[in-house]
Each structure stands twice: as C-alpha cells, then as structure tokens.
Amino acid sequence: MEIPLRPADPAAAAAWDVAATVCDPEIPVLTIEDLGVLRRVELTEAGVQVAITPTYSGCPAMDAIRQDVTAALGAAGYTGIQVSLELAPAWTTDWMTGAGKEKLDAYGIAPPSGRAAAGPVRVGLSVKCPQCSSLNTRELTRFGSTSCKALWVCGDCREPFDYFKVL
C-alpha cells in the first residue's frame, strides 16, 4: 500500500504545499493532505497535474475538493491545472497523518484506531471518547454523519460522538 508523499523535487513540492492547504469540506479541520486524499502533484510542460483519491467511491466532496484545489493553485499563479480522481489503490485510513488524527480528536471526532485489514479482520472492542477519554463507549449506528464515520456514545459522559472508521 503506497502512502502519499510530498514530492522531493522543490518545484513540485511547492505546488504540493499549495494543494495541501485545501480543507475537506465535510471535516473542515482536516486538509486533504491530513486525510491522505492528496495523492500526487506533478509539474509538466502543460501545467500542474494533481491526483486525489476519494475516501470512498461515492464521496460527494470530491467535486468541491477538485474545485478548491484548482482555485488554490490558480491563486498561487499555476496554470494548466488538471485534477484527476485516482481510484486505485483504494483510499485507506492508514494514509491519514498523525497530525490529522490529532485534529479529529480535538474536533470531537474519534480518529480511526488500528490499521486497515490485510487478512483477518481485527475486532475493535472499544473506541476512546474524544470528550472524556473513557473507553466505556458503544456504537449506536454503523453510519454517522458521513459514510466514513459511525455514531458512538459514551457511557460515562453520555455524549454522542462520531468515530472515523478504519477503512
């Protein structure tokens, strides 16, 4: 599984840094770099080519992200901007940055715990409450405010919270 990496080439890295400022429209505390959606930025004679990967195939945020990346690069003076969707390999929460997971927790969304399944599926026994850090939590519904999150509740503070599923 390939984790998205900032380019080593300084010119491409500068374009990456601009694209990396774009925030996810559904979770505005995360950038597309934090989320691992920003896959590749390349400079060509024709302009800038950016590849993004949706968190799941029907993610409605991808059109907004494509427009925001184009606008950010255009505002920074880049031309010939092409933003494409890259579906393979499929996105995984393993691509989220540590900083992104910390931002989720601070925002009140429990970050994914563990790694994506590669073989036998790991059974999760508890999710830490982002409000009070209790492990006395339970899942209310597998699908939360977006398809990549589940709705959980804490048995101690009684607060409901989103959990970003391990995918």
C-alpha atoms as a PDB file:
ATOM      1  CA  MET A   1       0.000   0.000   0.000  1.00  0.00           C
ATOM      2  CA  GLU A   2       1.522   3.309  -1.036  1.00  0.00           C
ATOM      3  CA  ILE A   3       1.241   6.230   1.355  1.00  0.00           C
ATOM      4  CA  PRO A   4       1.027   9.616  -0.402  1.00  0.00           C
ATOM      5  CA  LEU A   5       4.293  11.511  -0.059  1.00  0.00           C
ATOM      6  CA  ARG A   6       5.262  15.114  -0.702  1.00  0.00           C
ATOM      7  CA  PRO A   7       7.461  15.257  -3.840  1.00  0.00           C
ATOM      8  CA  ALA A   8      11.230  15.566  -3.427  1.00  0.00           C
ATOM      9  CA  ASP A   9      11.521  17.980  -6.375  1.00  0.00           C
ATOM     10  CA  PRO A  10      11.363  21.540  -4.913  1.00  0.00           C
ATOM     11  CA  ALA A  11       9.098  22.952  -7.642  1.00  0.00           C
ATOM     12  CA  ALA A  12       6.630  20.061  -7.393  1.00  0.00           C
ATOM     13  CA  ALA A  13       6.838  20.247  -3.572  1.00  0.00           C
ATOM     14  CA  ALA A  14       5.864  23.931  -3.720  1.00  0.00           C
ATOM     15  CA  ALA A  15       2.778  23.057  -5.796  1.00  0.00           C
ATOM     16  CA  TRP A  16       2.000  20.197  -3.370  1.00  0.00           C
ATOM     17  CA  ASP A  17       2.194  22.636  -0.455  1.00  0.00           C
ATOM     18  CA  VAL A  18      -0.413  24.862  -2.117  1.00  0.00           C
ATOM     19  CA  ALA A  19      -2.756  21.943  -2.859  1.00  0.00           C
ATOM     20  CA  ALA A  20      -2.195  20.628   0.679  1.00  0.00           C
ATOM     21  CA  THR A  21      -3.829  23.757   2.155  1.00  0.00           C
ATOM     22  CA  VAL A  22      -7.238  22.732   0.796  1.00  0.00           C
ATOM     23  CA  CYS A  23      -9.564  21.622   3.583  1.00  0.00           C
ATOM     24  CA  ASP A  24     -12.002  18.743   3.434  1.00  0.00           C
ATOM     25  CA  PRO A  25     -15.466  20.311   3.006  1.00  0.00           C
ATOM     26  CA  GLU A  26     -17.091  17.747   5.324  1.00  0.00           C
ATOM     27  CA  ILE A  27     -14.479  17.956   8.110  1.00  0.00           C
ATOM     28  CA  PRO A  28     -13.022  21.469   7.786  1.00  0.00           C
ATOM     29  CA  VAL A  29     -10.308  20.959  10.417  1.00  0.00           C
ATOM     30  CA  LEU A  30      -8.588  18.456   8.100  1.00  0.00           C
ATOM     31  CA  THR A  31      -6.649  19.308   4.974  1.00  0.00           C
ATOM     32  CA  ILE A  32      -6.667  16.887   2.075  1.00  0.00           C
ATOM     33  CA  GLU A  33      -3.054  16.147   2.991  1.00  0.00           C
ATOM     34  CA  ASP A  34      -4.046  15.306   6.604  1.00  0.00           C
ATOM     35  CA  LEU A  35      -6.723  12.999   5.256  1.00  0.00           C
ATOM     36  CA  GLY A  36      -4.404  11.299   2.751  1.00  0.00           C
ATOM     37  CA  VAL A  37      -6.666  12.245  -0.159  1.00  0.00           C
ATOM     38  CA  LEU A  38      -3.915  14.254  -1.896  1.00  0.00           C
ATOM     39  CA  ARG A  39      -2.032  11.538  -3.761  1.00  0.00           C
ATOM     40  CA  ARG A  40       0.293  13.162  -6.240  1.00  0.00           C
ATOM     41  CA  VAL A  41       1.333  16.551  -7.627  1.00  0.00           C
ATOM     42  CA  GLU A  42       3.443  16.704 -10.782  1.00  0.00           C
ATOM     43  CA  LEU A  43       4.653  19.603 -12.887  1.00  0.00           C
ATOM     44  CA  THR A  44       4.623  19.058 -16.650  1.00  0.00           C
ATOM     45  CA  GLU A  45       5.136  21.281 -19.671  1.00  0.00           C
ATOM     46  CA  ALA A  46       1.345  21.603 -19.864  1.00  0.00           C
ATOM     47  CA  GLY A  47       0.969  22.709 -16.229  1.00  0.00           C
ATOM     48  CA  VAL A  48       0.165  21.025 -12.927  1.00  0.00           C
ATOM     49  CA  GLN A  49      -1.321  17.559 -12.609  1.00  0.00           C
ATOM     50  CA  VAL A  50      -2.864  16.653  -9.272  1.00  0.00           C
ATOM     51  CA  ALA A  51      -4.261  13.257  -8.299  1.00  0.00           C
ATOM     52  CA  ILE A  52      -6.743  12.877  -5.455  1.00  0.00           C
ATOM     53  CA  THR A  53      -8.363   9.708  -4.114  1.00  0.00           C
ATOM     54  CA  PRO A  54     -11.858   9.697  -2.587  1.00  0.00           C
ATOM     55  CA  THR A  55     -12.324   8.201   0.859  1.00  0.00           C
ATOM     56  CA  TYR A  56     -14.963   6.009  -0.776  1.00  0.00           C
ATOM     57  CA  SER A  57     -16.155   5.715  -4.379  1.00  0.00           C
ATOM     58  CA  GLY A  58     -19.331   7.770  -3.928  1.00  0.00           C
ATOM     59  CA  CYS A  59     -17.830  10.572  -1.834  1.00  0.00           C
ATOM     60  CA  PRO A  60     -19.810  13.741  -2.668  1.00  0.00           C
ATOM     61  CA  ALA A  61     -16.965  16.013  -1.517  1.00  0.00           C
ATOM     62  CA  MET A  62     -14.663  15.191  -4.442  1.00  0.00           C
ATOM     63  CA  ASP A  63     -16.138  17.780  -6.824  1.00  0.00           C
ATOM     64  CA  ALA A  64     -15.720  20.502  -4.189  1.00  0.00           C
ATOM     65  CA  ILE A  65     -12.176  19.344  -3.429  1.00  0.00           C
ATOM     66  CA  ARG A  66     -11.303  19.347  -7.149  1.00  0.00           C
ATOM     67  CA  GLN A  67     -12.622  22.913  -7.497  1.00  0.00           C
ATOM     68  CA  ASP A  68     -10.840  24.078  -4.331  1.00  0.00           C
ATOM     69  CA  VAL A  69      -7.501  22.576  -5.445  1.00  0.00           C
ATOM     70  CA  THR A  70      -7.866  24.244  -8.853  1.00  0.00           C
ATOM     71  CA  ALA A  71      -8.704  27.583  -7.216  1.00  0.00           C
ATOM     72  CA  ALA A  72      -5.805  27.388  -4.720  1.00  0.00           C
ATOM     73  CA  LEU A  73      -3.244  26.548  -7.395  1.00  0.00           C
ATOM     74  CA  GLY A  74      -4.671  29.200  -9.744  1.00  0.00           C
ATOM     75  CA  ALA A  75      -4.469  31.843  -6.993  1.00  0.00           C
ATOM     76  CA  ALA A  76      -0.820  30.869  -6.481  1.00  0.00           C
ATOM     77  CA  GLY A  77      -0.087  31.527 -10.159  1.00  0.00           C
ATOM     78  CA  TYR A  78      -0.138  27.991 -11.542  1.00  0.00           C
ATOM     79  CA  THR A  79      -1.711  27.365 -14.932  1.00  0.00           C
ATOM     80  CA  GLY A  80      -2.815  24.312 -16.899  1.00  0.00           C
ATOM     81  CA  ILE A  81      -4.214  22.729 -13.741  1.00  0.00           C
ATOM     82  CA  GLN A  82      -5.686  19.255 -14.071  1.00  0.00           C
ATOM     83  CA  VAL A  83      -7.111  17.472 -11.035  1.00  0.00           C
ATOM     84  CA  SER A  84      -7.965  13.825 -11.564  1.00  0.00           C
ATOM     85  CA  LEU A  85      -9.539  11.161  -9.394  1.00  0.00           C
ATOM     86  CA  GLU A  86      -7.408   8.116  -8.754  1.00  0.00           C
ATOM     87  CA  LEU A  87      -9.468   5.151  -7.550  1.00  0.00           C
ATOM     88  CA  ALA A  88      -6.731   2.534  -7.279  1.00  0.00           C
ATOM     89  CA  PRO A  89      -5.352   1.734  -4.899  1.00  0.00           C
ATOM     90  CA  ALA A  90      -8.402   2.470  -2.776  1.00  0.00           C
ATOM     91  CA  TRP A  91      -8.026   5.066  -0.027  1.00  0.00           C
ATOM     92  CA  THR A  92      -7.376   3.779   3.480  1.00  0.00           C
ATOM     93  CA  THR A  93      -7.314   5.442   6.878  1.00  0.00           C
ATOM     94  CA  ASP A  94      -3.685   4.271   7.025  1.00  0.00           C
ATOM     95  CA  TRP A  95      -2.935   7.270   4.779  1.00  0.00           C
ATOM     96  CA  MET A  96      -4.159   9.784   7.370  1.00  0.00           C
ATOM     97  CA  THR A  97      -1.367  11.722   9.018  1.00  0.00           C
ATOM     98  CA  GLY A  98      -0.765  11.638  12.752  1.00  0.00           C
ATOM     99  CA  ALA A  99      -1.495  15.367  12.825  1.00  0.00           C
ATOM    100  CA  GLY A 100      -4.788  14.717  11.047  1.00  0.00           C
ATOM    101  CA  LYS A 101      -5.799  12.132  13.642  1.00  0.00           C
ATOM    102  CA  GLU A 102      -4.938  14.587  16.424  1.00  0.00           C
ATOM    103  CA  LYS A 103      -7.040  17.281  14.718  1.00  0.00           C
ATOM    104  CA  LEU A 104     -10.001  14.878  14.516  1.00  0.00           C
ATOM    105  CA  ASP A 105      -9.733  14.098  18.212  1.00  0.00           C
ATOM    106  CA  ALA A 106      -9.534  17.798  19.152  1.00  0.00           C
ATOM    107  CA  TYR A 107     -12.567  18.482  16.919  1.00  0.00           C
ATOM    108  CA  GLY A 108     -14.616  15.850  18.755  1.00  0.00           C
ATOM    109  CA  ILE A 109     -14.397  13.006  16.243  1.00  0.00           C
ATOM    110  CA  ALA A 110     -12.709   9.841  17.440  1.00  0.00           C
ATOM    111  CA  PRO A 111      -9.884   9.098  14.983  1.00  0.00           C
ATOM    112  CA  PRO A 112      -9.518   5.657  13.427  1.00  0.00           C
ATOM    113  CA  SER A 113      -7.780   3.192  15.683  1.00  0.00           C
ATOM    114  CA  GLY A 114      -5.646   0.433  14.268  1.00  0.00           C
ATOM    115  CA  ARG A 115      -4.705  -0.320  10.684  1.00  0.00           C
ATOM    116  CA  ALA A 116      -6.788  -1.318   7.675  1.00  0.00           C
ATOM    117  CA  ALA A 117      -7.409  -5.042   7.351  1.00  0.00           C
ATOM    118  CA  ALA A 118      -4.913  -7.010   5.281  1.00  0.00           C
ATOM    119  CA  GLY A 119      -6.007 -10.533   6.004  1.00  0.00           C
ATOM    120  CA  PRO A 120      -8.020 -11.425   9.087  1.00  0.00           C
ATOM    121  CA  VAL A 121     -10.227  -8.568  10.277  1.00  0.00           C
ATOM    122  CA  ARG A 122      -9.201  -7.056  13.620  1.00  0.00           C
ATOM    123  CA  VAL A 123     -12.067  -6.866  16.099  1.00  0.00           C
ATOM    124  CA  GLY A 124     -12.316  -3.489  17.781  1.00  0.00           C
ATOM    125  CA  LEU A 125     -13.507  -3.751  21.372  1.00  0.00           C
ATOM    126  CA  SER A 126     -13.750  -0.089  22.312  1.00  0.00           C
ATOM    127  CA  VAL A 127     -13.309   3.421  20.991  1.00  0.00           C
ATOM    128  CA  LYS A 128     -11.956   6.194  23.218  1.00  0.00           C
ATOM    129  CA  CYS A 129     -14.433   9.026  23.789  1.00  0.00           C
ATOM    130  CA  PRO A 130     -12.977  12.279  22.371  1.00  0.00           C
ATOM    131  CA  GLN A 131     -14.792  14.262  25.093  1.00  0.00           C
ATOM    132  CA  CYS A 132     -13.704  12.496  28.310  1.00  0.00           C
ATOM    133  CA  SER A 133     -11.263   9.776  27.096  1.00  0.00           C
ATOM    134  CA  SER A 134     -13.404   6.976  28.547  1.00  0.00           C
ATOM    135  CA  LEU A 135     -13.325   3.540  26.937  1.00  0.00           C
ATOM    136  CA  ASN A 136     -16.874   2.892  28.179  1.00  0.00           C
ATOM    137  CA  THR A 137     -18.334   3.526  24.718  1.00  0.00           C
ATOM    138  CA  ARG A 138     -20.625   1.715  22.311  1.00  0.00           C
ATOM    139  CA  GLU A 139     -21.655   2.019  18.702  1.00  0.00           C
ATOM    140  CA  LEU A 140     -25.147   3.427  18.113  1.00  0.00           C
ATOM    141  CA  THR A 141     -25.142   3.076  14.339  1.00  0.00           C
ATOM    142  CA  ARG A 142     -22.553   1.969  11.779  1.00  0.00           C
ATOM    143  CA  PHE A 143     -23.256   5.040   9.626  1.00  0.00           C
ATOM    144  CA  GLY A 144     -22.877   8.512  11.080  1.00  0.00           C
ATOM    145  CA  SER A 145     -22.949  11.984   9.557  1.00  0.00           C
ATOM    146  CA  THR A 146     -20.965  10.687   6.558  1.00  0.00           C
ATOM    147  CA  SER A 147     -20.399   7.167   5.246  1.00  0.00           C
ATOM    148  CA  CYS A 148     -16.827   7.090   6.561  1.00  0.00           C
ATOM    149  CA  LYS A 149     -17.948   7.714  10.154  1.00  0.00           C
ATOM    150  CA  ALA A 150     -20.016   5.734  12.690  1.00  0.00           C
ATOM    151  CA  LEU A 151     -22.067   7.214  15.531  1.00  0.00           C
ATOM    152  CA  TRP A 152     -20.970   6.165  19.028  1.00  0.00           C
ATOM    153  CA  VAL A 153     -21.991   7.191  22.538  1.00  0.00           C
ATOM    154  CA  CYS A 154     -20.006   7.362  25.771  1.00  0.00           C
ATOM    155  CA  GLY A 155     -21.391   5.523  28.784  1.00  0.00           C
ATOM    156  CA  ASP A 156     -19.633   7.876  31.211  1.00  0.00           C
ATOM    157  CA  CYS A 157     -20.205  11.410  29.912  1.00  0.00           C
ATOM    158  CA  ARG A 158     -23.252  10.305  27.853  1.00  0.00           C
ATOM    159  CA  GLU A 159     -22.123  12.380  24.873  1.00  0.00           C
ATOM    160  CA  PRO A 160     -22.611  11.026  21.343  1.00  0.00           C
ATOM    161  CA  PHE A 161     -19.638  11.331  19.000  1.00  0.00           C
ATOM    162  CA  ASP A 162     -18.539  10.431  15.503  1.00  0.00           C
ATOM    163  CA  TYR A 163     -15.897   7.748  15.036  1.00  0.00           C
ATOM    164  CA  PHE A 164     -13.864   7.811  11.837  1.00  0.00           C
ATOM    165  CA  LYS A 165     -13.988   4.151  10.783  1.00  0.00           C
ATOM    166  CA  VAL A 166     -10.866   2.192   9.949  1.00  0.00           C
ATOM    167  CA  LEU A 167     -11.059   1.569   6.210  1.00  0.00           C
END
